[in-house]
Amino acid sequence: MSTVLIANPKGGSGKTTLATNLAGYFASRGRHVVLSDMDRQRSALQWLERRPYKLPLIHGQDGRGKYTNSLSADWTIVDSPAGLRGDKLSQAVKDADFILVPMQPSAFDIGATRDFLQVLQEEKSVRKGRTFVAMVGMRVDNRTRAALALQDFLAKSGFPSVCNLRNAQVYALAAEQGASLFDIRPSQVSRDLQQWAPLLHWLVNANKQK
């Protein structure tokens, strides 16, 4: 079993988009997947409630209590709330094999994430190499100055930057239907699948090392 924590203290950074699509990917590969939602707004679980029965099965879990592996998942994807800190953050990090930190290319996001990354670096499981951390750029237009500033920040973050995902309408359309990028005909989302490839490659390789 492997657990992926999606975390960033700033709201609107793209955590739920990343979590639901990652869950959709592993489900599409025939894995037993649990989507655990720590946020009281329940955005990830509401997405799961909209998910058509004909799509690959994903199990939902209310992650606000103490996590238990009662469902024996191959992959558990944890969507965390904004402002996750202190003991709750430490416990979530301890329970995770991987942490993905999504962030958008803005001065506000960079400022809010900088201190969080320092906290992550000081967490024991990260320092000891038991938990792998990677950065994911969200809603990135590589042609903009903001994207260049984000890449500069990520290069100095101390963690690998595995991919940038563009701001595509397909994410919103899929979310409305309880679907993921990986439930859509590949020819319709080929550019986006290419952007996801480095992240998925990193996860699979890191999973072999743990």
C-alpha atoms as a PDB file:
ATOM      1  CA  MET A   1       0.000   0.000   0.000  1.00  0.00           C
ATOM      2  CA  SER A   2       1.125   3.560  -0.751  1.00  0.00           C
ATOM      3  CA  THR A   3      -0.278   6.849   0.554  1.00  0.00           C
ATOM      4  CA  VAL A   4      -0.001  10.164  -1.294  1.00  0.00           C
ATOM      5  CA  LEU A   5      -0.702  13.348   0.686  1.00  0.00           C
ATOM      6  CA  ILE A   6      -1.674  16.403  -1.379  1.00  0.00           C
ATOM      7  CA  ALA A   7      -0.803  19.417   0.763  1.00  0.00           C
ATOM      8  CA  ASN A   8      -0.392  23.172   0.628  1.00  0.00           C
ATOM      9  CA  PRO A   9      -1.554  25.603   3.340  1.00  0.00           C
ATOM     10  CA  LYS A  10      -2.960  28.031   0.775  1.00  0.00           C
ATOM     11  CA  GLY A  11      -6.535  27.586  -0.350  1.00  0.00           C
ATOM     12  CA  GLY A  12      -7.191  27.378  -4.073  1.00  0.00           C
ATOM     13  CA  SER A  13      -3.788  25.933  -4.910  1.00  0.00           C
ATOM     14  CA  GLY A  14      -5.257  22.989  -6.843  1.00  0.00           C
ATOM     15  CA  LYS A  15      -5.147  20.259  -4.176  1.00  0.00           C
ATOM     16  CA  THR A  16      -8.515  18.700  -4.984  1.00  0.00           C
ATOM     17  CA  THR A  17      -7.899  18.816  -8.746  1.00  0.00           C
ATOM     18  CA  LEU A  18      -4.609  17.006  -8.244  1.00  0.00           C
ATOM     19  CA  ALA A  19      -6.075  14.499  -5.765  1.00  0.00           C
ATOM     20  CA  THR A  20      -9.123  13.516  -7.810  1.00  0.00           C
ATOM     21  CA  ASN A  21      -7.218  13.146 -11.058  1.00  0.00           C
ATOM     22  CA  LEU A  22      -4.469  11.122  -9.394  1.00  0.00           C
ATOM     23  CA  ALA A  23      -7.098   8.830  -7.882  1.00  0.00           C
ATOM     24  CA  GLY A  24      -8.667   8.549 -11.327  1.00  0.00           C
ATOM     25  CA  TYR A  25      -5.343   7.547 -12.852  1.00  0.00           C
ATOM     26  CA  PHE A  26      -4.665   4.676 -10.450  1.00  0.00           C
ATOM     27  CA  ALA A  27      -8.274   3.480 -10.695  1.00  0.00           C
ATOM     28  CA  SER A  28      -7.964   3.445 -14.488  1.00  0.00           C
ATOM     29  CA  ARG A  29      -4.941   1.158 -14.061  1.00  0.00           C
ATOM     30  CA  GLY A  30      -7.026  -1.355 -12.128  1.00  0.00           C
ATOM     31  CA  ARG A  31      -5.663  -0.454  -8.700  1.00  0.00           C
ATOM     32  CA  HIS A  32      -7.702  -0.503  -5.478  1.00  0.00           C
ATOM     33  CA  VAL A  33      -7.894   3.228  -4.723  1.00  0.00           C
ATOM     34  CA  VAL A  34      -9.142   5.157  -1.686  1.00  0.00           C
ATOM     35  CA  LEU A  35      -9.716   8.913  -1.915  1.00  0.00           C
ATOM     36  CA  SER A  36      -9.476  10.309   1.618  1.00  0.00           C
ATOM     37  CA  ASP A  37     -10.850  13.816   2.198  1.00  0.00           C
ATOM     38  CA  MET A  38      -9.546  15.722   5.240  1.00  0.00           C
ATOM     39  CA  ASP A  39     -11.318  18.966   4.313  1.00  0.00           C
ATOM     40  CA  ARG A  40     -14.619  19.807   6.011  1.00  0.00           C
ATOM     41  CA  GLN A  41     -15.858  21.223   2.683  1.00  0.00           C
ATOM     42  CA  ARG A  42     -15.745  17.620   1.330  1.00  0.00           C
ATOM     43  CA  SER A  43     -14.958  18.726  -2.240  1.00  0.00           C
ATOM     44  CA  ALA A  44     -13.208  15.455  -3.106  1.00  0.00           C
ATOM     45  CA  LEU A  45     -15.997  13.311  -1.647  1.00  0.00           C
ATOM     46  CA  GLN A  46     -18.627  15.390  -3.445  1.00  0.00           C
ATOM     47  CA  TRP A  47     -16.719  14.745  -6.683  1.00  0.00           C
ATOM     48  CA  LEU A  48     -16.851  11.050  -5.860  1.00  0.00           C
ATOM     49  CA  GLU A  49     -20.625  11.243  -5.278  1.00  0.00           C
ATOM     50  CA  ARG A  50     -21.022  12.596  -8.831  1.00  0.00           C
ATOM     51  CA  ARG A  51     -18.865   9.847 -10.309  1.00  0.00           C
ATOM     52  CA  PRO A  52     -20.797   7.577 -12.716  1.00  0.00           C
ATOM     53  CA  TYR A  53     -20.952   3.915 -11.697  1.00  0.00           C
ATOM     54  CA  LYS A  54     -19.570   2.850 -15.107  1.00  0.00           C
ATOM     55  CA  LEU A  55     -16.205   4.519 -14.424  1.00  0.00           C
ATOM     56  CA  PRO A  56     -13.432   2.670 -12.533  1.00  0.00           C
ATOM     57  CA  LEU A  57     -14.316   2.357  -8.854  1.00  0.00           C
ATOM     58  CA  ILE A  58     -12.761   4.698  -6.282  1.00  0.00           C
ATOM     59  CA  HIS A  59     -13.576   4.275  -2.590  1.00  0.00           C
ATOM     60  CA  GLY A  60     -14.229   7.394  -0.521  1.00  0.00           C
ATOM     61  CA  GLN A  61     -13.107   7.977   3.044  1.00  0.00           C
ATOM     62  CA  ASP A  62     -13.744  10.789   5.515  1.00  0.00           C
ATOM     63  CA  GLY A  63     -10.167  11.646   6.436  1.00  0.00           C
ATOM     64  CA  ARG A  64     -10.980  14.026   9.285  1.00  0.00           C
ATOM     65  CA  GLY A  65     -10.649  11.263  11.876  1.00  0.00           C
ATOM     66  CA  LYS A  66      -7.644   9.065  12.592  1.00  0.00           C
ATOM     67  CA  TYR A  67      -6.635   7.248   9.423  1.00  0.00           C
ATOM     68  CA  THR A  68      -7.051   3.488   9.391  1.00  0.00           C
ATOM     69  CA  ASN A  69      -6.152   1.185   6.521  1.00  0.00           C
ATOM     70  CA  SER A  70      -9.395  -0.764   6.839  1.00  0.00           C
ATOM     71  CA  LEU A  71      -9.901  -0.780   3.084  1.00  0.00           C
ATOM     72  CA  SER A  72      -6.447  -2.213   2.303  1.00  0.00           C
ATOM     73  CA  ALA A  73      -5.951   0.081  -0.661  1.00  0.00           C
ATOM     74  CA  ASP A  74      -3.150  -0.208  -3.190  1.00  0.00           C
ATOM     75  CA  TRP A  75      -3.105   3.602  -3.275  1.00  0.00           C
ATOM     76  CA  THR A  76      -4.643   6.070  -0.834  1.00  0.00           C
ATOM     77  CA  ILE A  77      -4.818   9.662  -2.086  1.00  0.00           C
ATOM     78  CA  VAL A  78      -5.311  12.203   0.716  1.00  0.00           C
ATOM     79  CA  ASP A  79      -6.816  15.600  -0.106  1.00  0.00           C
ATOM     80  CA  SER A  80      -5.839  17.887   2.786  1.00  0.00           C
ATOM     81  CA  PRO A  81      -7.444  21.185   3.837  1.00  0.00           C
ATOM     82  CA  ALA A  82      -5.974  24.657   3.604  1.00  0.00           C
ATOM     83  CA  GLY A  83      -4.096  25.675   6.726  1.00  0.00           C
ATOM     84  CA  LEU A  84      -2.929  22.167   7.622  1.00  0.00           C
ATOM     85  CA  ARG A  85      -0.269  22.656  10.305  1.00  0.00           C
ATOM     86  CA  GLY A  86       1.006  21.598  13.712  1.00  0.00           C
ATOM     87  CA  ASP A  87       0.271  18.105  15.016  1.00  0.00           C
ATOM     88  CA  LYS A  88      -2.244  17.367  12.242  1.00  0.00           C
ATOM     89  CA  LEU A  89       0.370  18.140   9.603  1.00  0.00           C
ATOM     90  CA  SER A  90       3.025  16.079  11.389  1.00  0.00           C
ATOM     91  CA  GLN A  91       0.694  13.086  11.633  1.00  0.00           C
ATOM     92  CA  ALA A  92      -0.382  13.392   8.000  1.00  0.00           C
ATOM     93  CA  VAL A  93       3.264  13.562   6.891  1.00  0.00           C
ATOM     94  CA  LYS A  94       4.142  10.565   9.061  1.00  0.00           C
ATOM     95  CA  ASP A  95       1.308   8.525   7.509  1.00  0.00           C
ATOM     96  CA  ALA A  96       2.308   9.420   3.934  1.00  0.00           C
ATOM     97  CA  ASP A  97       4.787   7.727   1.624  1.00  0.00           C
ATOM     98  CA  PHE A  98       4.674  10.659  -0.798  1.00  0.00           C
ATOM     99  CA  ILE A  99       3.730  14.322  -0.524  1.00  0.00           C
ATOM    100  CA  LEU A 100       2.772  16.373  -3.558  1.00  0.00           C
ATOM    101  CA  VAL A 101       2.722  20.156  -3.096  1.00  0.00           C
ATOM    102  CA  PRO A 102       0.622  21.877  -5.781  1.00  0.00           C
ATOM    103  CA  MET A 103       1.092  25.590  -6.280  1.00  0.00           C
ATOM    104  CA  GLN A 104       0.083  28.259  -8.762  1.00  0.00           C
ATOM    105  CA  PRO A 105       2.405  30.823 -10.364  1.00  0.00           C
ATOM    106  CA  SER A 106       1.615  33.894  -8.267  1.00  0.00           C
ATOM    107  CA  ALA A 107       3.474  35.939  -5.686  1.00  0.00           C
ATOM    108  CA  PHE A 108       0.759  35.100  -3.133  1.00  0.00           C
ATOM    109  CA  ASP A 109       1.156  31.364  -3.653  1.00  0.00           C
ATOM    110  CA  ILE A 110       4.937  31.523  -3.542  1.00  0.00           C
ATOM    111  CA  GLY A 111       4.873  33.525  -0.329  1.00  0.00           C
ATOM    112  CA  ALA A 112       2.364  31.208   1.345  1.00  0.00           C
ATOM    113  CA  THR A 113       4.226  28.055   0.295  1.00  0.00           C
ATOM    114  CA  ARG A 114       7.782  29.108   1.200  1.00  0.00           C
ATOM    115  CA  ASP A 115       7.359  28.669   4.969  1.00  0.00           C
ATOM    116  CA  PHE A 116       5.397  25.448   4.469  1.00  0.00           C
ATOM    117  CA  LEU A 117       8.281  23.878   2.554  1.00  0.00           C
ATOM    118  CA  GLN A 118      10.643  24.788   5.384  1.00  0.00           C
ATOM    119  CA  VAL A 119       8.302  23.019   7.814  1.00  0.00           C
ATOM    120  CA  LEU A 120       8.237  19.955   5.563  1.00  0.00           C
ATOM    121  CA  GLN A 121      12.038  19.844   5.412  1.00  0.00           C
ATOM    122  CA  GLU A 122      12.131  19.727   9.211  1.00  0.00           C
ATOM    123  CA  GLU A 123       9.656  16.850   9.509  1.00  0.00           C
ATOM    124  CA  LYS A 124      11.475  13.731  10.695  1.00  0.00           C
ATOM    125  CA  SER A 125      10.058  11.336   8.095  1.00  0.00           C
ATOM    126  CA  VAL A 126      11.135  13.712   5.313  1.00  0.00           C
ATOM    127  CA  ARG A 127      14.623  14.251   6.772  1.00  0.00           C
ATOM    128  CA  LYS A 128      15.096  10.507   7.190  1.00  0.00           C
ATOM    129  CA  GLY A 129      14.051   9.845   3.592  1.00  0.00           C
ATOM    130  CA  ARG A 130      10.967   7.836   4.548  1.00  0.00           C
ATOM    131  CA  THR A 131       8.583  10.304   2.890  1.00  0.00           C
ATOM    132  CA  PHE A 132       9.257  11.626  -0.616  1.00  0.00           C
ATOM    133  CA  VAL A 133       8.206  15.180  -1.497  1.00  0.00           C
ATOM    134  CA  ALA A 134       7.699  16.732  -4.939  1.00  0.00           C
ATOM    135  CA  MET A 135       6.332  20.007  -6.319  1.00  0.00           C
ATOM    136  CA  VAL A 136       3.626  20.344  -8.986  1.00  0.00           C
ATOM    137  CA  GLY A 137       2.916  23.584 -10.861  1.00  0.00           C
ATOM    138  CA  MET A 138      -0.830  24.127 -11.316  1.00  0.00           C
ATOM    139  CA  ARG A 139      -2.612  26.270 -13.939  1.00  0.00           C
ATOM    140  CA  VAL A 140       0.714  27.262 -15.458  1.00  0.00           C
ATOM    141  CA  ASP A 141       1.086  29.173 -18.712  1.00  0.00           C
ATOM    142  CA  ASN A 142       4.757  28.699 -19.566  1.00  0.00           C
ATOM    143  CA  ARG A 143       4.726  31.849 -21.726  1.00  0.00           C
ATOM    144  CA  THR A 144       4.206  34.196 -18.781  1.00  0.00           C
ATOM    145  CA  ARG A 145       6.598  35.993 -16.466  1.00  0.00           C
ATOM    146  CA  ALA A 146       4.756  34.482 -13.487  1.00  0.00           C
ATOM    147  CA  ALA A 147       5.615  31.000 -14.772  1.00  0.00           C
ATOM    148  CA  LEU A 148       9.302  31.930 -14.925  1.00  0.00           C
ATOM    149  CA  ALA A 149       9.150  33.217 -11.342  1.00  0.00           C
ATOM    150  CA  LEU A 150       7.517  29.960 -10.270  1.00  0.00           C
ATOM    151  CA  GLN A 151      10.200  27.861 -11.946  1.00  0.00           C
ATOM    152  CA  ASP A 152      12.907  29.891 -10.238  1.00  0.00           C
ATOM    153  CA  PHE A 153      11.210  29.359  -6.884  1.00  0.00           C
ATOM    154  CA  LEU A 154      10.743  25.625  -7.469  1.00  0.00           C
ATOM    155  CA  ALA A 155      14.377  25.211  -8.504  1.00  0.00           C
ATOM    156  CA  LYS A 156      15.423  26.594  -5.106  1.00  0.00           C
ATOM    157  CA  SER A 157      12.767  24.791  -3.056  1.00  0.00           C
ATOM    158  CA  GLY A 158      14.920  21.834  -2.084  1.00  0.00           C
ATOM    159  CA  PHE A 159      12.413  19.385  -3.576  1.00  0.00           C
ATOM    160  CA  PRO A 160      12.074  18.074  -7.140  1.00  0.00           C
ATOM    161  CA  SER A 161       9.632  19.856  -9.423  1.00  0.00           C
ATOM    162  CA  VAL A 162       8.043  17.029 -11.384  1.00  0.00           C
ATOM    163  CA  CYS A 163       5.641  18.782 -13.767  1.00  0.00           C
ATOM    164  CA  ASN A 164       3.568  21.828 -14.699  1.00  0.00           C
ATOM    165  CA  LEU A 165      -0.114  21.373 -15.498  1.00  0.00           C
ATOM    166  CA  ARG A 166      -1.839  23.940 -17.671  1.00  0.00           C
ATOM    167  CA  ASN A 167      -5.087  25.759 -16.928  1.00  0.00           C
ATOM    168  CA  ALA A 168      -7.301  23.682 -19.229  1.00  0.00           C
ATOM    169  CA  GLN A 169     -11.105  23.754 -19.301  1.00  0.00           C
ATOM    170  CA  VAL A 170     -11.156  19.962 -19.399  1.00  0.00           C
ATOM    171  CA  TYR A 171     -10.344  19.795 -15.678  1.00  0.00           C
ATOM    172  CA  ALA A 172     -13.452  21.802 -14.743  1.00  0.00           C
ATOM    173  CA  LEU A 173     -15.661  19.857 -17.162  1.00  0.00           C
ATOM    174  CA  ALA A 174     -14.420  16.526 -15.832  1.00  0.00           C
ATOM    175  CA  ALA A 175     -14.869  17.638 -12.217  1.00  0.00           C
ATOM    176  CA  GLU A 176     -18.522  18.516 -12.864  1.00  0.00           C
ATOM    177  CA  GLN A 177     -19.104  14.925 -14.011  1.00  0.00           C
ATOM    178  CA  GLY A 178     -17.162  13.165 -11.282  1.00  0.00           C
ATOM    179  CA  ALA A 179     -14.577  12.162 -13.854  1.00  0.00           C
ATOM    180  CA  SER A 180     -10.827  12.503 -14.166  1.00  0.00           C
ATOM    181  CA  LEU A 181      -8.552  13.267 -17.062  1.00  0.00           C
ATOM    182  CA  PHE A 182      -7.903   9.522 -17.315  1.00  0.00           C
ATOM    183  CA  ASP A 183     -11.585   8.707 -17.869  1.00  0.00           C
ATOM    184  CA  ILE A 184     -11.636  10.756 -21.087  1.00  0.00           C
ATOM    185  CA  ARG A 185     -10.734   9.503 -24.551  1.00  0.00           C
ATOM    186  CA  PRO A 186      -6.910   9.983 -24.751  1.00  0.00           C
ATOM    187  CA  SER A 187      -7.081  11.691 -28.128  1.00  0.00           C
ATOM    188  CA  GLN A 188      -9.109  14.512 -26.554  1.00  0.00           C
ATOM    189  CA  VAL A 189      -6.596  15.194 -23.758  1.00  0.00           C
ATOM    190  CA  SER A 190      -3.286  14.157 -25.316  1.00  0.00           C
ATOM    191  CA  ARG A 191      -1.482  17.397 -24.401  1.00  0.00           C
ATOM    192  CA  ASP A 192      -2.588  17.128 -20.779  1.00  0.00           C
ATOM    193  CA  LEU A 193      -1.629  13.461 -20.520  1.00  0.00           C
ATOM    194  CA  GLN A 194       1.858  14.408 -21.700  1.00  0.00           C
ATOM    195  CA  GLN A 195       2.084  16.961 -18.894  1.00  0.00           C
ATOM    196  CA  TRP A 196       1.082  14.330 -16.315  1.00  0.00           C
ATOM    197  CA  ALA A 197       3.612  11.753 -17.529  1.00  0.00           C
ATOM    198  CA  PRO A 198       6.647  13.025 -15.518  1.00  0.00           C
ATOM    199  CA  LEU A 199       4.617  13.104 -12.281  1.00  0.00           C
ATOM    200  CA  LEU A 200       3.341   9.556 -12.760  1.00  0.00           C
ATOM    201  CA  HIS A 201       6.842   8.368 -13.679  1.00  0.00           C
ATOM    202  CA  TRP A 202       8.239   9.973 -10.507  1.00  0.00           C
ATOM    203  CA  LEU A 203       5.600   8.317  -8.314  1.00  0.00           C
ATOM    204  CA  VAL A 204       6.136   4.859  -9.790  1.00  0.00           C
ATOM    205  CA  ASN A 205       9.936   5.116  -9.479  1.00  0.00           C
ATOM    206  CA  ALA A 206       9.798   6.508  -5.937  1.00  0.00           C
ATOM    207  CA  ASN A 207       7.360   3.745  -4.985  1.00  0.00           C
ATOM    208  CA  LYS A 208       9.960   1.161  -5.993  1.00  0.00           C
ATOM    209  CA  GLN A 209      12.491   2.805  -3.666  1.00  0.00           C
ATOM    210  CA  LYS A 210      10.406   2.901  -0.507  1.00  0.00           C
END
